[in-house]
């Protein structure tokens, strides 16, 4: 039921430049089969919704959502940032797309 509601909502939205962010956290053998399957699913959904081709596909194979690095702030306190380079590189695109919508 929830899938149908989501599809109906997405069907009314037509992005000018759709993109896809694909991520799988564990790929012991480096085959990228998980992100390849995600791309197939994303492409099928894009076609079903009659969206244009993906402007950009961000792939993060074998990248944990929780891979972190310790950062020391100017005030001396410690914080942790998540290391997901492809996800972070998508932010300017998202900001540009949202400001022109």
N, C-alpha and C. Protein backbone atom coordinates (compact mmCIF):
# COMPACT_ATOMS: atom_id res chain seq x y z
N UNK A 1 0.82 -1.19 0.00
CA UNK A 1 0.00 0.00 0.00
C UNK A 1 0.86 1.26 0.00
N UNK A 2 1.85 1.31 0.92
CA UNK A 2 2.72 2.49 1.00
C UNK A 2 3.52 2.67 -0.28
N UNK A 3 3.91 1.57 -0.93
CA UNK A 3 4.66 1.66 -2.19
C UNK A 3 3.81 2.35 -3.25
N UNK A 4 2.52 1.99 -3.34
CA UNK A 4 1.63 2.61 -4.32
C UNK A 4 1.47 4.10 -4.05
N UNK A 5 1.34 4.48 -2.79
CA UNK A 5 1.22 5.91 -2.45
C UNK A 5 2.48 6.66 -2.84
N UNK A 6 3.63 6.08 -2.57
CA UNK A 6 4.89 6.71 -2.94
C UNK A 6 4.98 6.84 -4.46
N UNK A 7 4.64 5.79 -5.19
CA UNK A 7 4.69 5.84 -6.65
C UNK A 7 3.75 6.92 -7.18
N UNK A 8 2.54 7.02 -6.63
CA UNK A 8 1.58 8.04 -7.07
C UNK A 8 2.13 9.44 -6.82
N UNK A 9 2.75 9.62 -5.67
CA UNK A 9 3.34 10.93 -5.35
C UNK A 9 4.49 11.26 -6.32
N UNK A 10 5.38 10.30 -6.54
CA UNK A 10 6.51 10.52 -7.44
C UNK A 10 6.07 10.71 -8.88
N UNK A 11 4.98 10.06 -9.27
CA UNK A 11 4.50 10.16 -10.65
C UNK A 11 4.05 11.58 -10.98
N UNK A 12 3.67 12.37 -9.97
CA UNK A 12 3.24 13.75 -10.22
C UNK A 12 4.42 14.70 -10.27
N UNK A 13 5.59 14.22 -9.92
CA UNK A 13 6.80 15.04 -9.90
C UNK A 13 7.69 14.65 -11.07
N UNK A 14 8.12 15.62 -11.84
CA UNK A 14 9.00 15.34 -12.98
C UNK A 14 10.27 16.19 -12.86
N UNK A 15 11.34 15.62 -12.31
CA UNK A 15 12.57 16.39 -12.15
C UNK A 15 13.19 16.73 -13.50
N UNK A 16 13.80 17.90 -13.58
CA UNK A 16 14.45 18.31 -14.82
C UNK A 16 15.71 17.50 -15.08
N UNK A 17 16.45 17.21 -14.00
CA UNK A 17 17.71 16.47 -14.13
C UNK A 17 17.77 15.43 -13.01
N UNK A 18 17.10 14.29 -13.16
CA UNK A 18 17.11 13.29 -12.09
C UNK A 18 18.52 12.72 -11.88
N UNK A 19 18.77 12.31 -10.68
CA UNK A 19 20.04 11.67 -10.34
C UNK A 19 19.78 10.45 -9.49
N UNK A 20 20.79 9.65 -9.28
CA UNK A 20 20.66 8.46 -8.45
C UNK A 20 21.89 8.36 -7.55
N UNK A 21 21.63 8.08 -6.27
CA UNK A 21 22.71 7.83 -5.33
C UNK A 21 22.61 6.37 -4.92
N UNK A 22 23.64 5.60 -5.23
CA UNK A 22 23.67 4.17 -4.97
C UNK A 22 24.74 3.89 -3.93
N UNK A 23 24.39 3.12 -2.89
CA UNK A 23 25.38 2.82 -1.86
C UNK A 23 25.12 1.45 -1.29
N UNK A 24 26.18 0.73 -1.10
CA UNK A 24 26.12 -0.54 -0.37
C UNK A 24 27.29 -0.55 0.59
N UNK A 25 27.04 -1.02 1.80
CA UNK A 25 28.05 -0.87 2.84
C UNK A 25 29.11 -1.96 2.87
N UNK A 26 28.81 -3.12 2.35
CA UNK A 26 29.80 -4.19 2.44
C UNK A 26 29.88 -4.96 1.13
N UNK A 27 31.05 -4.90 0.53
CA UNK A 27 31.30 -5.64 -0.71
C UNK A 27 32.68 -6.27 -0.57
N UNK A 28 32.72 -7.42 0.08
CA UNK A 28 34.01 -8.06 0.39
C UNK A 28 34.85 -8.35 -0.84
N UNK A 29 34.22 -8.61 -1.97
CA UNK A 29 34.98 -9.03 -3.14
C UNK A 29 35.12 -7.92 -4.19
N UNK A 30 34.54 -6.75 -3.95
CA UNK A 30 34.67 -5.63 -4.87
C UNK A 30 33.99 -5.82 -6.21
N UNK A 31 32.94 -6.62 -6.24
CA UNK A 31 32.25 -6.91 -7.50
C UNK A 31 31.22 -5.85 -7.89
N UNK A 32 30.82 -5.02 -6.96
CA UNK A 32 29.84 -3.95 -7.16
C UNK A 32 28.47 -4.47 -7.61
N UNK A 33 28.18 -5.73 -7.31
CA UNK A 33 26.90 -6.31 -7.72
C UNK A 33 25.73 -5.62 -7.03
N UNK A 34 25.90 -5.23 -5.79
CA UNK A 34 24.82 -4.57 -5.05
C UNK A 34 24.45 -3.23 -5.65
N UNK A 35 25.45 -2.40 -5.94
CA UNK A 35 25.15 -1.10 -6.54
C UNK A 35 24.67 -1.26 -7.98
N UNK A 36 25.12 -2.30 -8.67
CA UNK A 36 24.61 -2.56 -10.02
C UNK A 36 23.12 -2.90 -9.97
N UNK A 37 22.71 -3.71 -8.98
CA UNK A 37 21.29 -4.03 -8.83
C UNK A 37 20.49 -2.78 -8.47
N UNK A 38 21.06 -1.94 -7.62
CA UNK A 38 20.37 -0.69 -7.26
C UNK A 38 20.19 0.19 -8.50
N UNK A 39 21.21 0.25 -9.35
CA UNK A 39 21.10 1.05 -10.57
C UNK A 39 20.01 0.49 -11.49
N UNK A 40 19.95 -0.83 -11.62
CA UNK A 40 18.89 -1.43 -12.44
C UNK A 40 17.52 -1.05 -11.90
N UNK A 41 17.34 -1.12 -10.57
CA UNK A 41 16.06 -0.76 -9.96
C UNK A 41 15.76 0.72 -10.17
N UNK A 42 16.77 1.58 -9.99
CA UNK A 42 16.57 3.02 -10.17
C UNK A 42 16.22 3.34 -11.61
N UNK A 43 16.87 2.68 -12.57
CA UNK A 43 16.58 2.90 -13.99
C UNK A 43 15.14 2.46 -14.30
N UNK A 44 14.73 1.33 -13.78
CA UNK A 44 13.38 0.83 -14.03
C UNK A 44 12.34 1.80 -13.45
N UNK A 45 12.60 2.31 -12.27
CA UNK A 45 11.68 3.28 -11.65
C UNK A 45 11.65 4.56 -12.46
N UNK A 46 12.82 5.03 -12.89
CA UNK A 46 12.90 6.26 -13.69
C UNK A 46 12.07 6.12 -14.97
N UNK A 47 12.19 4.98 -15.65
CA UNK A 47 11.45 4.74 -16.88
C UNK A 47 9.95 4.65 -16.59
N UNK A 48 9.59 3.92 -15.54
CA UNK A 48 8.18 3.75 -15.18
C UNK A 48 7.53 5.10 -14.86
N UNK A 49 8.28 6.00 -14.24
CA UNK A 49 7.76 7.33 -13.90
C UNK A 49 7.87 8.31 -15.07
N UNK A 50 8.45 7.85 -16.17
CA UNK A 50 8.63 8.66 -17.39
C UNK A 50 9.51 9.89 -17.14
N UNK A 51 10.54 9.70 -16.32
CA UNK A 51 11.53 10.74 -16.10
C UNK A 51 12.60 10.61 -17.18
N UNK A 52 13.30 11.69 -17.44
CA UNK A 52 14.39 11.66 -18.41
C UNK A 52 15.57 10.88 -17.87
N UNK A 53 16.65 10.80 -18.66
CA UNK A 53 17.84 10.06 -18.22
C UNK A 53 18.48 10.71 -17.00
N UNK A 54 19.19 9.90 -16.23
CA UNK A 54 19.90 10.43 -15.07
C UNK A 54 20.98 11.40 -15.52
N UNK A 55 21.00 12.56 -14.90
CA UNK A 55 22.05 13.54 -15.18
C UNK A 55 23.35 13.10 -14.54
N UNK A 56 23.25 12.43 -13.39
CA UNK A 56 24.44 11.99 -12.66
C UNK A 56 24.06 10.78 -11.82
N UNK A 57 24.97 9.83 -11.75
CA UNK A 57 24.81 8.66 -10.89
C UNK A 57 25.99 8.65 -9.93
N UNK A 58 25.69 8.70 -8.64
CA UNK A 58 26.71 8.67 -7.60
C UNK A 58 26.77 7.25 -7.06
N UNK A 59 27.94 6.63 -7.13
CA UNK A 59 28.13 5.24 -6.68
C UNK A 59 29.08 5.21 -5.49
N UNK A 60 28.64 4.60 -4.41
CA UNK A 60 29.50 4.40 -3.25
C UNK A 60 29.45 2.92 -2.89
N UNK A 61 30.34 2.19 -3.49
CA UNK A 61 30.42 0.76 -3.22
C UNK A 61 31.31 0.54 -2.01
N UNK A 62 30.89 -0.39 -1.16
CA UNK A 62 31.66 -0.76 0.03
C UNK A 62 31.94 0.46 0.91
N UNK A 63 30.90 1.29 1.11
CA UNK A 63 31.02 2.49 1.92
C UNK A 63 29.96 2.47 3.00
N UNK A 64 30.38 2.35 4.22
CA UNK A 64 29.45 2.32 5.33
C UNK A 64 28.82 3.67 5.54
N UNK A 65 27.56 3.67 5.92
CA UNK A 65 26.87 4.92 6.26
C UNK A 65 27.44 5.50 7.55
N UNK A 66 28.22 4.71 8.27
CA UNK A 66 28.73 5.15 9.57
C UNK A 66 30.25 5.27 9.62
N UNK A 67 30.91 5.26 8.47
CA UNK A 67 32.36 5.43 8.42
C UNK A 67 32.66 6.87 8.83
N UNK A 68 33.42 7.03 9.92
CA UNK A 68 33.58 8.36 10.49
C UNK A 68 35.04 8.75 10.69
N UNK A 69 35.23 10.05 10.83
CA UNK A 69 36.55 10.60 11.15
C UNK A 69 36.38 11.60 12.27
N UNK A 70 37.30 11.56 13.22
CA UNK A 70 37.25 12.49 14.35
C UNK A 70 37.75 13.86 13.91
N UNK A 71 37.01 14.89 14.30
CA UNK A 71 37.36 16.27 13.96
C UNK A 71 37.43 17.06 15.26
N UNK A 72 38.50 17.84 15.40
CA UNK A 72 38.61 18.71 16.56
C UNK A 72 38.20 20.12 16.14
N UNK A 73 37.15 20.63 16.77
CA UNK A 73 36.62 21.95 16.45
C UNK A 73 37.53 23.04 17.01
N UNK A 74 37.39 24.28 16.51
CA UNK A 74 38.22 25.38 17.01
C UNK A 74 38.12 25.59 18.52
N UNK A 75 36.97 25.27 19.10
CA UNK A 75 36.81 25.44 20.55
C UNK A 75 37.40 24.29 21.35
N UNK A 76 38.00 23.31 20.66
CA UNK A 76 38.63 22.17 21.32
C UNK A 76 37.73 20.97 21.50
N UNK A 77 36.44 21.13 21.24
CA UNK A 77 35.53 20.00 21.37
C UNK A 77 35.73 19.05 20.18
N UNK A 78 35.30 17.83 20.38
CA UNK A 78 35.48 16.79 19.37
C UNK A 78 34.14 16.48 18.72
N UNK A 79 34.17 16.29 17.42
CA UNK A 79 32.98 15.90 16.68
C UNK A 79 33.39 14.80 15.70
N UNK A 80 32.42 14.13 15.16
CA UNK A 80 32.66 13.07 14.19
C UNK A 80 31.92 13.40 12.91
N UNK A 81 32.58 13.26 11.76
CA UNK A 81 31.91 13.47 10.49
C UNK A 81 31.89 12.15 9.73
N UNK A 82 30.81 11.96 8.99
CA UNK A 82 30.65 10.76 8.19
C UNK A 82 31.40 10.93 6.88
N UNK A 83 32.18 9.94 6.51
CA UNK A 83 32.96 9.98 5.26
C UNK A 83 32.22 9.24 4.17
N UNK A 84 31.55 9.98 3.32
CA UNK A 84 30.87 9.42 2.16
C UNK A 84 31.07 10.39 1.02
N UNK A 85 32.19 10.30 0.33
CA UNK A 85 32.56 11.32 -0.66
C UNK A 85 31.56 11.51 -1.79
N UNK A 86 30.98 10.46 -2.32
CA UNK A 86 30.02 10.61 -3.41
C UNK A 86 28.76 11.31 -2.93
N UNK A 87 28.31 10.97 -1.73
CA UNK A 87 27.12 11.61 -1.18
C UNK A 87 27.38 13.10 -0.97
N UNK A 88 28.53 13.43 -0.39
CA UNK A 88 28.87 14.82 -0.16
C UNK A 88 29.01 15.57 -1.48
N UNK A 89 29.58 14.91 -2.50
CA UNK A 89 29.75 15.59 -3.79
C UNK A 89 28.41 15.87 -4.47
N UNK A 90 27.34 15.20 -4.05
CA UNK A 90 26.02 15.45 -4.64
C UNK A 90 25.36 16.70 -4.07
N UNK A 91 25.82 17.21 -2.95
CA UNK A 91 25.16 18.35 -2.31
C UNK A 91 25.06 19.59 -3.19
N UNK A 92 26.14 20.02 -3.87
CA UNK A 92 26.00 21.21 -4.72
C UNK A 92 24.93 21.02 -5.80
N UNK A 93 24.84 19.82 -6.35
CA UNK A 93 23.82 19.54 -7.36
C UNK A 93 22.44 19.67 -6.76
N UNK A 94 22.26 19.13 -5.56
CA UNK A 94 20.95 19.21 -4.90
C UNK A 94 20.59 20.65 -4.58
N UNK A 95 21.57 21.43 -4.10
CA UNK A 95 21.30 22.83 -3.79
C UNK A 95 20.91 23.60 -5.05
N UNK A 96 21.63 23.39 -6.15
CA UNK A 96 21.33 24.07 -7.40
C UNK A 96 19.95 23.68 -7.92
N UNK A 97 19.65 22.39 -7.86
CA UNK A 97 18.36 21.91 -8.35
C UNK A 97 17.22 22.48 -7.53
N UNK A 98 17.38 22.56 -6.21
CA UNK A 98 16.30 23.05 -5.37
C UNK A 98 16.12 24.55 -5.50
N UNK A 99 17.18 25.27 -5.83
CA UNK A 99 17.05 26.73 -5.95
C UNK A 99 16.45 27.13 -7.29
N UNK A 100 16.48 26.23 -8.29
CA UNK A 100 15.91 26.56 -9.60
C UNK A 100 14.52 25.97 -9.79
N UNK A 101 14.07 25.21 -8.81
CA UNK A 101 12.75 24.56 -8.94
C UNK A 101 11.62 25.53 -8.74
